[in-house]
Amino acid sequence: QLQLVESGGGLVQPGGSLRLSCAASGFALDRVVIGWFRQVPGKEREGVSCISRSGGTQNYADSVKGRFTISRDDAKNTVYLQMNSLKPDDTAVYYCAADSMGLLFYCGFGGGYEYWGQGTQVTVSS
C-alpha cells in the first residue's frame, strides 16, 4: 500500500529554519514525482516545491525560491524540504504528495498527484 508520512513541523520564530520529512512506503521514490504543497484555512492549496523521478529536476514556487530546498534520500526512501529564513506567511499545513505518472526529468504543481500524506503544521511566529 502506498503511503506518505510527513514530519518535522512545529513552531519557529521568523528567520528560523525547519526541515520537513516525507517518508514513503509501498513504492520507490524513483518511480514517482514528489511535491510539497501547503494550505492555509480559507485559501487555495499552493504548490511549494517538487522533485522529478530522476531527482535531477527541482522546482520551487516564487515565494520560496532561495529559501527552501528539496532533496531526496533514496536509501531512506524519504524526501526532505529544508526551509530557511522562514516568514509568518509560510505558516500553513504542509503536505507531501506523489504523482505515479510523473515524468522522469520534470515536475510541476498540476493535478496529477494521487497520493497524499496527512500533513504537518508549520507555524512561524514570534
Foldseek 3Di string as FASTA:
>chain_A
DWAWAKDWADEAAQQAKIKMKIAIPPDFQLQWKKWKWWDDPPDDIGTAKIAASQRPDMDGDPVQPPFWDWGADRVRSMIMIIGGRDDQVPWTWMKMFIQSPTDRHDDDDDDRTDYIYPTDTHGYHD
